[in-house]
Amino acid sequence: MERRLIKNLDYPLLGVVLVLIAIGLVTVFSATRANTAINGGNPYLFVEKQFISVAIGLLGMGIFIGMDYRLSDLAYRILYGLNLTLLLAVILFGTEVNGAKSWLNLGFYSIQPSEFAKLAIILTLAKHLSEKERLNSLWDLGTPFLHILPSLILILLQPDFGTVLVFVFFFFVMLYMAGTNGRLLLGIMLFGVLLITLVFVSHHFFDTPLPFKDYQIKRLTSFLNPDADPRGAGWNVNQAKIAVGSGRFFGKGLFQNTQGRLGFLPENHTDFIFAVYCEEWGFFGGFILLGLFFFLIWRSLRIAIQAKEKCGSLIAFGIMAMFAFHVLENVGMNMSIMPITGIPLPFISSGGSSMMANLFAVGYLENIWARRQKILF
């Protein structure tokens, strides 16, 4: 890696990512150390796995920083094809966990291809949009929609509705930043909402099939009225609210969480890790954590704005949108203001694939920032 490239890295961005990783490792350990049912008697099991994922992710980040972020035509086709191959392999040979077939068991390690698919689609879509001359009509938007559609279908078949929402969010952000008319995008979104509403109304009155099971639908809608089924679909939401509220202003202290440690809060090291963190560090700690995420998103936005080339700008906007949606959705579902979708909190939630994909994405952000001056190409 050239010395001038290293000199031009965004070190504040790297710093906040490392701080978030450190917070995540401590919180994962706190959430899992006493749960012998999942850690097999090894209190360090999950934090060890997370640390390995961090090491691999940092290595990959370094590699991606040293590469040219602009995909060649061959790299574009390979990456797009590999992404679809992995998503199809999950449908055919994947391992089902909690009702979703989202993992590929490689024997020594399990990966979740949909996490890497987010970055793959952002990279390939950015190249596709940067080469489009016009995005002013529905006809012009046909190829971008066809670009993302196969991945969305394969992820829906798992089914993983949360990841689909992430795709839809960064897709529309990238379309808008590529120059698509805002009114046109708003019309498409309103039509999509109307179509989804009609699908659910048809299911309710005419029992037409849905791509989700009944318990998954209840899980998605439980945040609207968790007390309607307090021991079923509403259990997780209520326990998360109790954990967040019991932290009060300064929290109970490190390793003093009770909702997760005593088994009241399920998935406390993945989906509801924010509730564990707030129980231990309170409102003040939650405010600091959200401030770190705000800084991460702001630096990503700054990189997108100052990128000297359209493809790099679109990549950065896509990654920024991905991080923003993950934070809003995960924090929201922990506070009962967003549906429960299983979306992890970046760099905090336990999950090797998520950690690696996020660090790879940071590598691309650093790459774009370091090469913002044309002389570095």
Protein backbone atom coordinates (compact mmCIF):
# COMPACT_ATOMS: atom_id res chain seq x y z
CA MET A 1 0.00 0.00 0.00
CA GLU A 2 1.46 3.34 -1.06
CA ARG A 3 2.65 5.61 1.72
CA ARG A 4 0.61 8.55 0.42
CA LEU A 5 -2.49 6.32 0.42
CA ILE A 6 -1.98 5.48 4.10
CA LYS A 7 -1.46 9.17 4.85
CA ASN A 8 -4.82 10.04 3.28
CA LEU A 9 -6.95 7.53 5.22
CA ASP A 10 -9.87 8.77 7.29
CA TYR A 11 -8.45 8.00 10.73
CA PRO A 12 -11.43 9.40 12.70
CA LEU A 13 -13.63 6.90 10.84
CA LEU A 14 -11.25 4.06 11.69
CA GLY A 15 -11.16 5.23 15.30
CA VAL A 16 -14.93 5.22 15.78
CA VAL A 17 -15.22 1.78 14.16
CA LEU A 18 -12.59 0.35 16.54
CA VAL A 19 -14.38 1.90 19.53
CA LEU A 20 -17.69 0.37 18.40
CA ILE A 21 -16.01 -3.03 17.98
CA ALA A 22 -14.56 -2.82 21.49
CA ILE A 23 -17.98 -1.93 22.93
CA GLY A 24 -19.50 -4.81 20.98
CA LEU A 25 -17.00 -7.37 22.25
CA VAL A 26 -17.57 -6.34 25.87
CA THR A 27 -21.37 -6.33 25.46
CA VAL A 28 -21.42 -9.74 23.73
CA PHE A 29 -19.35 -11.18 26.57
CA SER A 30 -21.68 -9.62 29.14
CA ALA A 31 -24.76 -11.00 27.37
CA THR A 32 -23.48 -14.57 26.92
CA ARG A 33 -21.02 -15.30 29.74
CA ALA A 34 -23.63 -16.69 32.14
CA ASN A 35 -25.83 -18.50 29.60
CA THR A 36 -24.50 -22.06 29.69
CA ALA A 37 -27.36 -23.21 27.43
CA ILE A 38 -25.78 -21.48 24.45
CA ASN A 39 -22.09 -21.21 25.37
CA GLY A 40 -21.63 -24.84 26.43
CA GLY A 41 -19.98 -23.83 29.68
CA ASN A 42 -17.37 -21.60 27.98
CA PRO A 43 -18.17 -17.98 28.94
CA TYR A 44 -15.74 -16.72 26.28
CA LEU A 45 -17.19 -18.77 23.39
CA PHE A 46 -19.11 -16.00 21.61
CA VAL A 47 -16.58 -13.27 22.24
CA GLU A 48 -13.84 -15.56 20.86
CA LYS A 49 -15.87 -16.17 17.70
CA GLN A 50 -16.53 -12.45 17.39
CA PHE A 51 -12.84 -11.66 17.82
CA ILE A 52 -11.93 -14.08 15.01
CA SER A 53 -14.48 -12.39 12.76
CA VAL A 54 -13.01 -8.99 13.66
CA ALA A 55 -9.51 -10.22 12.75
CA ILE A 56 -10.69 -11.57 9.38
CA GLY A 57 -12.72 -8.41 8.76
CA LEU A 58 -9.76 -6.12 9.50
CA LEU A 59 -7.56 -8.17 7.18
CA GLY A 60 -10.15 -7.91 4.42
CA MET A 61 -10.56 -4.19 5.11
CA GLY A 62 -6.83 -3.68 4.58
CA ILE A 63 -6.98 -5.58 1.30
CA PHE A 64 -9.95 -3.57 0.04
CA ILE A 65 -8.26 -0.28 0.97
CA GLY A 66 -5.34 -1.17 -1.29
CA MET A 67 -7.53 -2.04 -4.29
CA ASP A 68 -9.15 0.24 -6.85
CA TYR A 69 -12.77 0.44 -5.71
CA ARG A 70 -14.01 0.79 -9.30
CA LEU A 71 -14.99 -2.62 -10.62
CA SER A 72 -13.81 -3.71 -14.03
CA ASP A 73 -16.40 -5.29 -16.34
CA LEU A 74 -15.01 -8.76 -15.54
CA ALA A 75 -14.99 -8.13 -11.76
CA TYR A 76 -18.53 -6.79 -12.02
CA ARG A 77 -19.81 -9.99 -13.68
CA ILE A 78 -17.87 -12.27 -11.31
CA LEU A 79 -19.06 -10.49 -8.16
CA TYR A 80 -22.67 -10.36 -9.32
CA GLY A 81 -22.68 -14.03 -10.34
CA LEU A 82 -20.93 -15.16 -7.15
CA ASN A 83 -23.47 -13.30 -5.04
CA LEU A 84 -26.42 -15.02 -6.75
CA THR A 85 -24.67 -18.40 -6.56
CA LEU A 86 -24.20 -18.12 -2.79
CA LEU A 87 -27.79 -16.96 -2.24
CA LEU A 88 -29.07 -19.88 -4.34
CA ALA A 89 -26.82 -22.29 -2.44
CA VAL A 90 -28.44 -21.15 0.81
CA ILE A 91 -31.89 -22.06 -0.56
CA LEU A 92 -30.68 -25.49 -1.71
CA PHE A 93 -28.19 -26.50 1.00
CA GLY A 94 -28.56 -23.94 3.81
CA THR A 95 -29.07 -24.52 7.51
CA GLU A 96 -32.34 -23.36 9.04
CA VAL A 97 -32.16 -21.34 12.26
CA ASN A 98 -35.21 -19.72 13.92
CA GLY A 99 -37.39 -20.45 10.91
CA ALA A 100 -35.06 -18.91 8.30
CA LYS A 101 -32.69 -20.80 6.02
CA SER A 102 -29.98 -18.12 5.88
CA TRP A 103 -26.72 -19.90 6.74
CA LEU A 104 -24.26 -22.00 4.78
CA ASN A 105 -22.37 -24.51 6.90
CA LEU A 106 -18.81 -24.85 5.57
CA GLY A 107 -17.86 -27.40 8.22
CA PHE A 108 -15.34 -25.28 10.07
CA TYR A 109 -17.41 -22.10 9.82
CA SER A 110 -20.92 -20.92 8.99
CA ILE A 111 -21.54 -17.85 6.85
CA GLN A 112 -24.64 -15.81 6.11
CA PRO A 113 -24.40 -14.88 2.40
CA SER A 114 -27.16 -12.26 2.64
CA GLU A 115 -24.84 -10.09 4.76
CA PHE A 116 -22.18 -10.07 2.04
CA ALA A 117 -24.90 -9.67 -0.62
CA LYS A 118 -25.61 -6.15 0.69
CA LEU A 119 -22.09 -4.97 -0.13
CA ALA A 120 -21.97 -6.93 -3.40
CA ILE A 121 -25.17 -5.30 -4.65
CA ILE A 122 -24.03 -1.84 -3.53
CA LEU A 123 -20.77 -2.22 -5.50
CA THR A 124 -22.34 -3.63 -8.65
CA LEU A 125 -25.35 -1.30 -8.57
CA ALA A 126 -23.04 1.71 -8.18
CA LYS A 127 -21.16 0.71 -11.33
CA HIS A 128 -24.43 0.11 -13.17
CA LEU A 129 -25.95 3.46 -12.16
CA SER A 130 -22.76 5.42 -12.83
CA GLU A 131 -22.85 4.21 -16.44
CA LYS A 132 -26.53 5.12 -16.97
CA GLU A 133 -27.00 8.34 -18.89
CA ARG A 134 -30.67 8.87 -18.01
CA LEU A 135 -32.81 7.99 -14.98
CA ASN A 136 -35.83 10.13 -15.69
CA SER A 137 -38.57 7.58 -16.40
CA LEU A 138 -39.89 4.19 -15.37
CA TRP A 139 -38.29 2.76 -18.50
CA ASP A 140 -34.88 4.10 -17.44
CA LEU A 141 -35.30 2.47 -14.02
CA GLY A 142 -36.07 -0.94 -15.53
CA THR A 143 -32.48 -2.24 -15.57
CA PRO A 144 -31.65 -1.06 -12.01
CA PHE A 145 -34.77 -2.87 -10.73
CA LEU A 146 -33.84 -6.00 -12.69
CA HIS A 147 -30.34 -5.72 -11.23
CA ILE A 148 -31.55 -6.02 -7.64
CA LEU A 149 -34.63 -8.22 -8.18
CA PRO A 150 -32.96 -11.71 -8.27
CA SER A 151 -31.19 -11.09 -4.95
CA LEU A 152 -34.41 -9.83 -3.35
CA ILE A 153 -36.34 -12.91 -4.48
CA LEU A 154 -33.70 -15.34 -3.19
CA ILE A 155 -33.54 -13.55 0.17
CA LEU A 156 -37.34 -13.50 0.46
CA LEU A 157 -37.35 -17.26 -0.10
CA GLN A 158 -35.16 -17.82 2.98
CA PRO A 159 -37.28 -15.87 4.27
CA ASP A 160 -35.38 -12.81 5.56
CA PHE A 161 -37.67 -9.81 5.38
CA GLY A 162 -35.32 -7.59 7.41
CA THR A 163 -32.50 -7.88 4.89
CA VAL A 164 -34.97 -7.17 2.07
CA LEU A 165 -35.87 -3.90 3.79
CA VAL A 166 -32.18 -2.96 3.96
CA PHE A 167 -31.84 -3.63 0.22
CA VAL A 168 -34.91 -1.54 -0.61
CA PHE A 169 -33.71 1.37 1.53
CA PHE A 170 -30.19 1.69 0.13
CA PHE A 171 -31.52 0.99 -3.39
CA PHE A 172 -33.81 4.02 -3.34
CA VAL A 173 -31.13 6.18 -1.71
CA MET A 174 -28.66 5.26 -4.45
CA LEU A 175 -31.26 5.87 -7.18
CA TYR A 176 -31.99 9.32 -5.79
CA MET A 177 -28.31 10.24 -5.45
CA ALA A 178 -27.70 8.97 -9.00
CA GLY A 179 -30.10 11.63 -10.27
CA THR A 180 -33.52 9.99 -10.35
CA ASN A 181 -36.45 12.38 -9.98
CA GLY A 182 -37.65 12.44 -6.38
CA ARG A 183 -41.33 12.56 -7.33
CA LEU A 184 -40.93 9.47 -9.48
CA LEU A 185 -39.29 7.57 -6.61
CA LEU A 186 -42.00 8.73 -4.20
CA GLY A 187 -44.67 7.47 -6.59
CA ILE A 188 -42.96 4.09 -6.85
CA MET A 189 -42.72 3.82 -3.06
CA LEU A 190 -46.39 4.72 -2.58
CA PHE A 191 -47.36 2.13 -5.20
CA GLY A 192 -45.23 -0.46 -3.37
CA VAL A 193 -46.91 0.33 -0.04
CA LEU A 194 -50.33 0.04 -1.69
CA LEU A 195 -49.41 -3.29 -3.28
CA ILE A 196 -48.15 -4.74 0.03
CA THR A 197 -51.33 -3.53 1.76
CA LEU A 198 -53.49 -5.24 -0.88
CA VAL A 199 -51.50 -8.48 -0.48
CA PHE A 200 -52.14 -8.55 3.28
CA VAL A 201 -55.80 -7.55 2.88
CA SER A 202 -56.25 -10.34 0.33
CA HIS A 203 -54.60 -12.78 2.73
CA HIS A 204 -56.90 -11.71 5.55
CA PHE A 205 -60.16 -11.92 3.62
CA PHE A 206 -59.44 -14.54 0.95
CA ASP A 207 -56.63 -16.56 2.58
CA THR A 208 -54.24 -16.01 -0.33
CA PRO A 209 -50.69 -17.29 0.39
CA LEU A 210 -47.92 -15.08 1.76
CA PRO A 211 -44.13 -15.62 1.53
CA PHE A 212 -44.06 -15.64 5.36
CA LYS A 213 -45.37 -17.95 8.02
CA ASP A 214 -48.02 -16.78 10.48
CA TYR A 215 -45.60 -16.58 13.42
CA GLN A 216 -43.25 -14.41 11.34
CA ILE A 217 -46.08 -12.01 10.49
CA LYS A 218 -47.03 -11.80 14.18
CA ARG A 219 -43.38 -11.10 15.01
CA LEU A 220 -43.25 -8.26 12.48
CA THR A 221 -46.46 -6.65 13.74
CA SER A 222 -46.10 -7.33 17.48
CA PHE A 223 -44.50 -3.91 18.12
CA LEU A 224 -47.87 -2.24 17.33
CA ASN A 225 -49.53 -3.88 20.35
CA PRO A 226 -47.16 -6.20 22.25
CA ASP A 227 -49.67 -6.59 25.10
CA ALA A 228 -52.09 -8.38 22.75
CA ASP A 229 -49.91 -11.51 23.07
CA PRO A 230 -47.58 -10.80 26.00
CA ARG A 231 -46.34 -14.38 26.37
CA GLY A 232 -46.05 -15.03 22.64
CA ALA A 233 -45.18 -12.60 19.83
CA GLY A 234 -45.04 -9.62 22.20
CA TRP A 235 -42.66 -11.23 24.70
CA ASN A 236 -39.39 -10.07 23.12
CA VAL A 237 -40.59 -6.50 22.68
CA ASN A 238 -41.83 -6.20 26.26
CA GLN A 239 -38.66 -7.69 27.74
CA ALA A 240 -36.50 -5.39 25.63
CA LYS A 241 -38.46 -2.35 26.86
CA ILE A 242 -38.09 -3.52 30.44
CA ALA A 243 -34.33 -3.91 29.97
CA VAL A 244 -33.92 -0.47 28.37
CA GLY A 245 -36.11 1.22 30.99
CA SER A 246 -34.51 -0.51 33.98
CA GLY A 247 -31.15 1.01 33.05
CA ARG A 248 -32.54 4.46 33.89
CA PHE A 249 -30.00 7.28 33.41
CA PHE A 250 -26.59 5.76 34.26
CA GLY A 251 -27.42 2.04 34.11
CA LYS A 252 -26.86 -0.85 36.49
CA GLY A 253 -23.17 -1.20 35.66
CA LEU A 254 -21.02 -3.52 33.56
CA PHE A 255 -22.05 -7.22 33.76
CA GLN A 256 -25.04 -6.27 35.92
CA ASN A 257 -27.78 -6.88 33.34
CA THR A 258 -30.56 -9.14 34.61
CA GLN A 259 -33.09 -9.43 31.77
CA GLY A 260 -30.61 -11.22 29.55
CA ARG A 261 -28.57 -13.00 32.20
CA LEU A 262 -31.64 -14.52 33.85
CA GLY A 263 -33.08 -15.67 30.51
CA PHE A 264 -35.99 -13.24 30.18
CA LEU A 265 -34.68 -11.55 27.02
CA PRO A 266 -34.17 -13.96 24.06
CA GLU A 267 -31.51 -13.27 21.41
CA ASN A 268 -29.86 -10.86 23.81
CA HIS A 269 -26.48 -11.14 22.07
CA THR A 270 -27.85 -10.52 18.54
CA ASP A 271 -31.21 -8.82 17.90
CA PHE A 272 -31.62 -7.27 21.36
CA ILE A 273 -28.04 -6.47 22.32
CA PHE A 274 -28.90 -2.76 22.45
CA ALA A 275 -31.32 -3.53 25.31
CA VAL A 276 -28.53 -5.33 27.20
CA TYR A 277 -26.20 -2.37 26.64
CA CYS A 278 -28.81 0.16 27.84
CA GLU A 279 -29.61 -1.91 30.91
CA GLU A 280 -25.95 -1.75 31.93
CA TRP A 281 -25.11 1.80 30.80
CA GLY A 282 -28.48 3.54 30.91
CA PHE A 283 -29.70 6.52 28.90
CA PHE A 284 -26.30 8.18 29.13
CA GLY A 285 -24.51 5.16 27.65
CA GLY A 286 -27.17 4.77 24.97
CA PHE A 287 -26.75 8.44 24.03
CA ILE A 288 -22.98 7.96 23.71
CA LEU A 289 -23.43 4.85 21.54
CA LEU A 290 -25.91 6.59 19.24
CA GLY A 291 -23.48 9.50 19.05
CA LEU A 292 -20.76 7.14 17.82
CA PHE A 293 -23.11 5.78 15.17
CA PHE A 294 -24.05 9.32 14.14
CA PHE A 295 -20.36 10.08 13.71
CA LEU A 296 -19.92 6.92 11.60
CA ILE A 297 -22.84 7.87 9.34
CA TRP A 298 -21.68 11.50 9.10
CA ARG A 299 -18.16 10.48 8.02
CA SER A 300 -19.68 8.10 5.45
CA LEU A 301 -21.81 10.94 4.10
CA ARG A 302 -18.77 13.23 3.97
CA ILE A 303 -16.85 10.63 1.98
CA ALA A 304 -19.78 10.27 -0.44
CA ILE A 305 -20.02 14.03 -0.99
CA GLN A 306 -16.28 14.56 -1.50
CA ALA A 307 -15.68 11.56 -3.75
CA LYS A 308 -14.25 12.77 -7.05
CA GLU A 309 -16.00 10.16 -9.16
CA LYS A 310 -19.66 9.17 -9.47
CA CYS A 311 -19.21 5.44 -8.86
CA GLY A 312 -17.28 6.06 -5.64
CA SER A 313 -19.88 8.54 -4.46
CA LEU A 314 -22.72 6.06 -5.06
CA ILE A 315 -20.85 3.28 -3.23
CA ALA A 316 -20.36 5.54 -0.21
CA PHE A 317 -24.01 6.66 -0.27
CA GLY A 318 -25.11 3.01 -0.40
CA ILE A 319 -22.90 2.00 2.53
CA MET A 320 -24.04 5.05 4.51
CA ALA A 321 -27.69 4.12 3.88
CA MET A 322 -27.02 0.52 4.90
CA PHE A 323 -25.46 1.56 8.22
CA ALA A 324 -28.19 4.14 8.88
CA PHE A 325 -31.04 1.69 8.31
CA HIS A 326 -29.41 -0.99 10.48
CA VAL A 327 -29.04 1.42 13.38
CA LEU A 328 -32.53 2.90 13.08
CA GLU A 329 -34.23 -0.48 12.73
CA ASN A 330 -32.29 -2.31 15.45
CA VAL A 331 -32.55 0.48 18.02
CA GLY A 332 -36.19 1.03 17.06
CA MET A 333 -37.19 -2.61 17.55
CA ASN A 334 -35.45 -2.61 20.95
CA MET A 335 -37.67 0.34 21.93
CA SER A 336 -40.90 -1.02 20.39
CA ILE A 337 -41.18 1.63 17.66
CA MET A 338 -40.06 -0.56 14.74
CA PRO A 339 -41.00 -4.11 13.65
CA ILE A 340 -38.84 -7.01 14.85
CA THR A 341 -36.87 -8.05 11.79
CA GLY A 342 -33.69 -9.60 13.19
CA ILE A 343 -31.41 -6.91 11.75
CA PRO A 344 -28.13 -6.74 13.75
CA LEU A 345 -26.64 -3.60 15.25
CA PRO A 346 -23.43 -2.88 13.24
CA PHE A 347 -20.19 -3.82 15.04
CA ILE A 348 -22.13 -4.53 18.26
CA SER A 349 -24.35 -7.58 17.68
CA SER A 350 -22.80 -11.03 17.71
CA GLY A 351 -22.45 -12.37 14.17
CA GLY A 352 -19.36 -13.18 12.15
CA SER A 353 -20.77 -12.53 8.67
CA SER A 354 -22.24 -9.19 9.70
CA MET A 355 -18.99 -8.08 11.33
CA MET A 356 -16.86 -9.05 8.33
CA ALA A 357 -19.21 -7.48 5.78
CA ASN A 358 -19.34 -4.24 7.77
CA LEU A 359 -15.56 -4.04 8.03
CA PHE A 360 -15.22 -4.75 4.30
CA ALA A 361 -17.64 -1.86 3.72
CA VAL A 362 -15.50 0.43 5.90
CA GLY A 363 -12.52 -0.64 3.79
CA TYR A 364 -14.31 0.62 0.70
CA LEU A 365 -15.17 3.90 2.43
CA GLU A 366 -11.52 4.39 3.33
CA ASN A 367 -10.52 3.48 -0.21
CA ILE A 368 -12.81 6.13 -1.69
CA TRP A 369 -11.66 8.77 0.78
CA ALA A 370 -7.95 8.07 0.29
CA ARG A 371 -8.38 8.35 -3.48
CA ARG A 372 -10.55 11.47 -3.42
CA GLN A 373 -7.65 13.33 -5.04
CA LYS A 374 -7.38 12.30 -8.67
CA ILE A 375 -3.58 12.22 -8.48
CA LEU A 376 -3.85 9.04 -6.36
CA PHE A 377 -5.48 6.99 -9.12
